[in-house]
Amino acid sequence: MAKIKFILNDKPVELDVDPSARLIDVLRVNLNLTATKEGCGEGSCGACVVLMDNKGVNSCLLPIANVIGHKITTLEGFKHTKQFEVLKMCFADEGGSQCGFCTPGMIFAAHSLLSSNPHPNEEEVREALSGNLCRCTGYQSIVHAILRASKEGEGLW
């Protein structure tokens, strides 16, 4: 066990945990933050993406020791932002979320894309989503939601 200190959803956290524990497990089990989902456990599906220093990372691949001193944002923390409100509205209006399992990862993929490219084209959106799997939507509604968010959220990213 080791003392692990980091910022989680804008609040300082100190945990006494196994430093090799995966971030996803610490979030879900130790901290009861369950919006982050585990799909593949291999970093291939995107369901477990969280933001580390505002960049998307696969929490299923990240030992908790690697977050010491960093800022981690889960969907529970991100949902209080204006960016989330726009993405939530656009995903809902465009049918971009069906079962919801992939949605947290898709929201963070969209946020990461729009943060670096506030006005992407369809091809750029599809490329940004390439690390996220969805079995329900066929992706078209998610692509439309992100393109709409880039217009509706003008100036937020």
Protein backbone atom coordinates (compact mmCIF):
# COMPACT_ATOMS: atom_id res chain seq x y z
CA MET A 1 0.00 0.00 0.00
CA ALA A 2 1.09 3.54 -0.70
CA LYS A 3 -0.25 7.04 -0.25
CA ILE A 4 -1.48 8.28 -3.62
CA LYS A 5 -2.28 11.99 -3.98
CA PHE A 6 -3.93 13.55 -7.00
CA ILE A 7 -6.73 15.92 -7.97
CA LEU A 8 -10.02 14.21 -8.79
CA ASN A 9 -12.86 16.25 -10.25
CA ASP A 10 -11.20 19.43 -8.96
CA LYS A 11 -10.77 18.14 -5.39
CA PRO A 12 -7.60 16.84 -3.74
CA VAL A 13 -7.66 13.11 -3.02
CA GLU A 14 -5.33 11.03 -0.89
CA LEU A 15 -5.71 7.25 -0.90
CA ASP A 16 -3.81 4.42 0.69
CA VAL A 17 -3.94 1.81 -2.10
CA ASP A 18 -1.80 -0.66 -3.99
CA PRO A 19 0.18 1.54 -6.41
CA SER A 20 -0.24 -1.05 -9.16
CA ALA A 21 -4.05 -0.99 -8.92
CA ARG A 22 -5.67 0.19 -12.13
CA LEU A 23 -7.18 3.66 -12.08
CA ILE A 24 -10.54 2.29 -13.25
CA ASP A 25 -10.73 -0.07 -10.28
CA VAL A 26 -9.82 2.66 -7.79
CA LEU A 27 -12.44 4.96 -9.31
CA ARG A 28 -15.20 2.37 -9.34
CA VAL A 29 -14.43 0.35 -6.20
CA ASN A 30 -12.60 2.67 -3.81
CA LEU A 31 -14.30 5.93 -4.79
CA ASN A 32 -17.69 4.66 -6.03
CA LEU A 33 -17.48 6.67 -9.25
CA THR A 34 -19.19 4.32 -11.66
CA ALA A 35 -19.67 6.41 -14.82
CA THR A 36 -16.33 5.06 -16.07
CA LYS A 37 -17.02 1.66 -17.60
CA GLU A 38 -14.77 -1.32 -18.28
CA GLY A 39 -15.39 -2.87 -21.66
CA CYS A 40 -12.36 -4.74 -22.92
CA GLY A 41 -9.80 -4.18 -20.16
CA GLU A 42 -7.15 -3.83 -22.88
CA GLY A 43 -7.42 -0.17 -23.90
CA SER A 44 -9.18 -0.94 -27.18
CA CYS A 45 -12.83 0.03 -26.65
CA GLY A 46 -12.74 3.52 -25.08
CA ALA A 47 -15.41 2.82 -22.46
CA CYS A 48 -12.98 3.56 -19.62
CA VAL A 49 -11.65 6.90 -20.87
CA VAL A 50 -11.21 9.66 -18.31
CA LEU A 51 -9.35 12.94 -18.62
CA MET A 52 -5.87 13.23 -17.17
CA ASP A 53 -4.70 16.83 -17.29
CA ASN A 54 -7.54 17.39 -19.80
CA LYS A 55 -6.39 14.63 -22.19
CA GLY A 56 -8.21 11.34 -22.66
CA VAL A 57 -6.54 8.25 -21.17
CA ASN A 58 -7.64 4.63 -20.86
CA SER A 59 -8.10 4.14 -17.13
CA CYS A 60 -8.04 0.34 -17.54
CA LEU A 61 -4.36 0.56 -18.54
CA LEU A 62 -3.21 3.18 -16.04
CA PRO A 63 -1.72 2.16 -12.69
CA ILE A 64 -2.92 4.50 -9.96
CA ALA A 65 0.71 5.37 -9.14
CA ASN A 66 0.92 7.09 -12.53
CA VAL A 67 -1.71 9.67 -11.55
CA ILE A 68 0.22 11.08 -8.59
CA GLY A 69 0.19 14.86 -8.89
CA HIS A 70 -2.10 14.84 -11.92
CA LYS A 71 -5.64 16.10 -12.44
CA ILE A 72 -8.18 13.36 -13.20
CA THR A 73 -11.67 14.17 -14.43
CA THR A 74 -14.41 11.57 -14.61
CA LEU A 75 -17.85 12.08 -16.09
CA GLU A 76 -19.11 12.77 -12.57
CA GLY A 77 -16.88 15.87 -12.47
CA PHE A 78 -17.22 16.82 -16.14
CA LYS A 79 -21.02 16.90 -15.95
CA HIS A 80 -20.82 20.26 -14.15
CA THR A 81 -19.27 22.01 -17.17
CA LYS A 82 -20.87 23.98 -19.98
CA GLN A 83 -19.11 21.72 -22.47
CA PHE A 84 -20.88 18.70 -21.00
CA GLU A 85 -24.26 20.42 -21.16
CA VAL A 86 -23.80 21.06 -24.88
CA LEU A 87 -22.57 17.53 -25.56
CA LYS A 88 -25.38 16.02 -23.48
CA MET A 89 -28.02 18.00 -25.35
CA CYS A 90 -26.56 17.18 -28.76
CA PHE A 91 -26.15 13.46 -27.98
CA ALA A 92 -29.76 13.35 -26.76
CA ASP A 93 -31.20 15.31 -29.67
CA GLU A 94 -29.29 13.31 -32.28
CA GLY A 95 -29.86 9.88 -30.68
CA GLY A 96 -26.15 9.50 -29.96
CA SER A 97 -26.71 7.40 -26.86
CA GLN A 98 -28.75 4.23 -26.79
CA CYS A 99 -27.68 1.69 -24.16
CA GLY A 100 -25.28 4.29 -22.70
CA PHE A 101 -22.36 1.96 -22.00
CA CYS A 102 -20.01 3.70 -24.44
CA THR A 103 -21.36 7.20 -23.81
CA PRO A 104 -18.85 8.38 -21.16
CA GLY A 105 -15.96 7.44 -23.44
CA MET A 106 -17.68 9.00 -26.45
CA ILE A 107 -18.30 12.23 -24.52
CA PHE A 108 -14.61 12.44 -23.63
CA ALA A 109 -13.55 11.59 -27.20
CA ALA A 110 -15.80 14.41 -28.41
CA HIS A 111 -14.46 16.82 -25.78
CA SER A 112 -10.85 15.95 -26.62
CA LEU A 113 -11.49 16.47 -30.33
CA LEU A 114 -13.34 19.75 -29.88
CA SER A 115 -10.67 21.02 -27.48
CA SER A 116 -8.02 20.62 -30.17
CA ASN A 117 -10.25 21.23 -33.20
CA PRO A 118 -13.44 23.21 -32.43
CA HIS A 119 -14.72 22.91 -36.02
CA PRO A 120 -14.00 19.36 -37.22
CA ASN A 121 -15.37 17.87 -40.40
CA GLU A 122 -17.06 14.48 -40.51
CA GLU A 123 -13.85 12.62 -41.38
CA GLU A 124 -12.02 14.20 -38.42
CA VAL A 125 -14.87 13.23 -36.07
CA ARG A 126 -14.79 9.63 -37.30
CA GLU A 127 -11.01 9.53 -36.81
CA ALA A 128 -11.38 10.91 -33.26
CA LEU A 129 -13.91 8.17 -32.47
CA SER A 130 -11.73 5.38 -33.86
CA GLY A 131 -10.65 4.30 -30.36
CA ASN A 132 -14.24 3.97 -29.12
CA LEU A 133 -16.54 1.04 -29.77
CA CYS A 134 -20.32 1.28 -29.87
CA ARG A 135 -22.57 -1.67 -30.55
CA CYS A 136 -25.89 0.18 -30.64
CA THR A 137 -25.82 3.37 -32.70
CA GLY A 138 -23.87 2.60 -35.84
CA TYR A 139 -21.87 5.78 -35.06
CA GLN A 140 -23.74 8.06 -37.48
CA SER A 141 -25.85 9.63 -34.72
CA ILE A 142 -22.74 10.13 -32.58
CA VAL A 143 -20.94 11.81 -35.49
CA HIS A 144 -23.96 14.08 -36.03
CA ALA A 145 -24.08 14.88 -32.29
CA ILE A 146 -20.42 15.94 -32.26
CA LEU A 147 -20.75 18.02 -35.41
CA ARG A 148 -23.81 19.71 -33.90
CA ALA A 149 -21.95 20.29 -30.60
CA SER A 150 -19.17 22.05 -32.48
CA LYS A 151 -21.79 24.58 -33.69
CA GLU A 152 -23.97 24.75 -30.56
CA GLY A 153 -20.93 25.10 -28.29
CA GLU A 154 -19.27 27.83 -30.32
CA GLY A 155 -16.60 29.43 -28.13
CA LEU A 156 -16.60 26.74 -25.41
CA TRP A 157 -13.68 24.79 -26.85
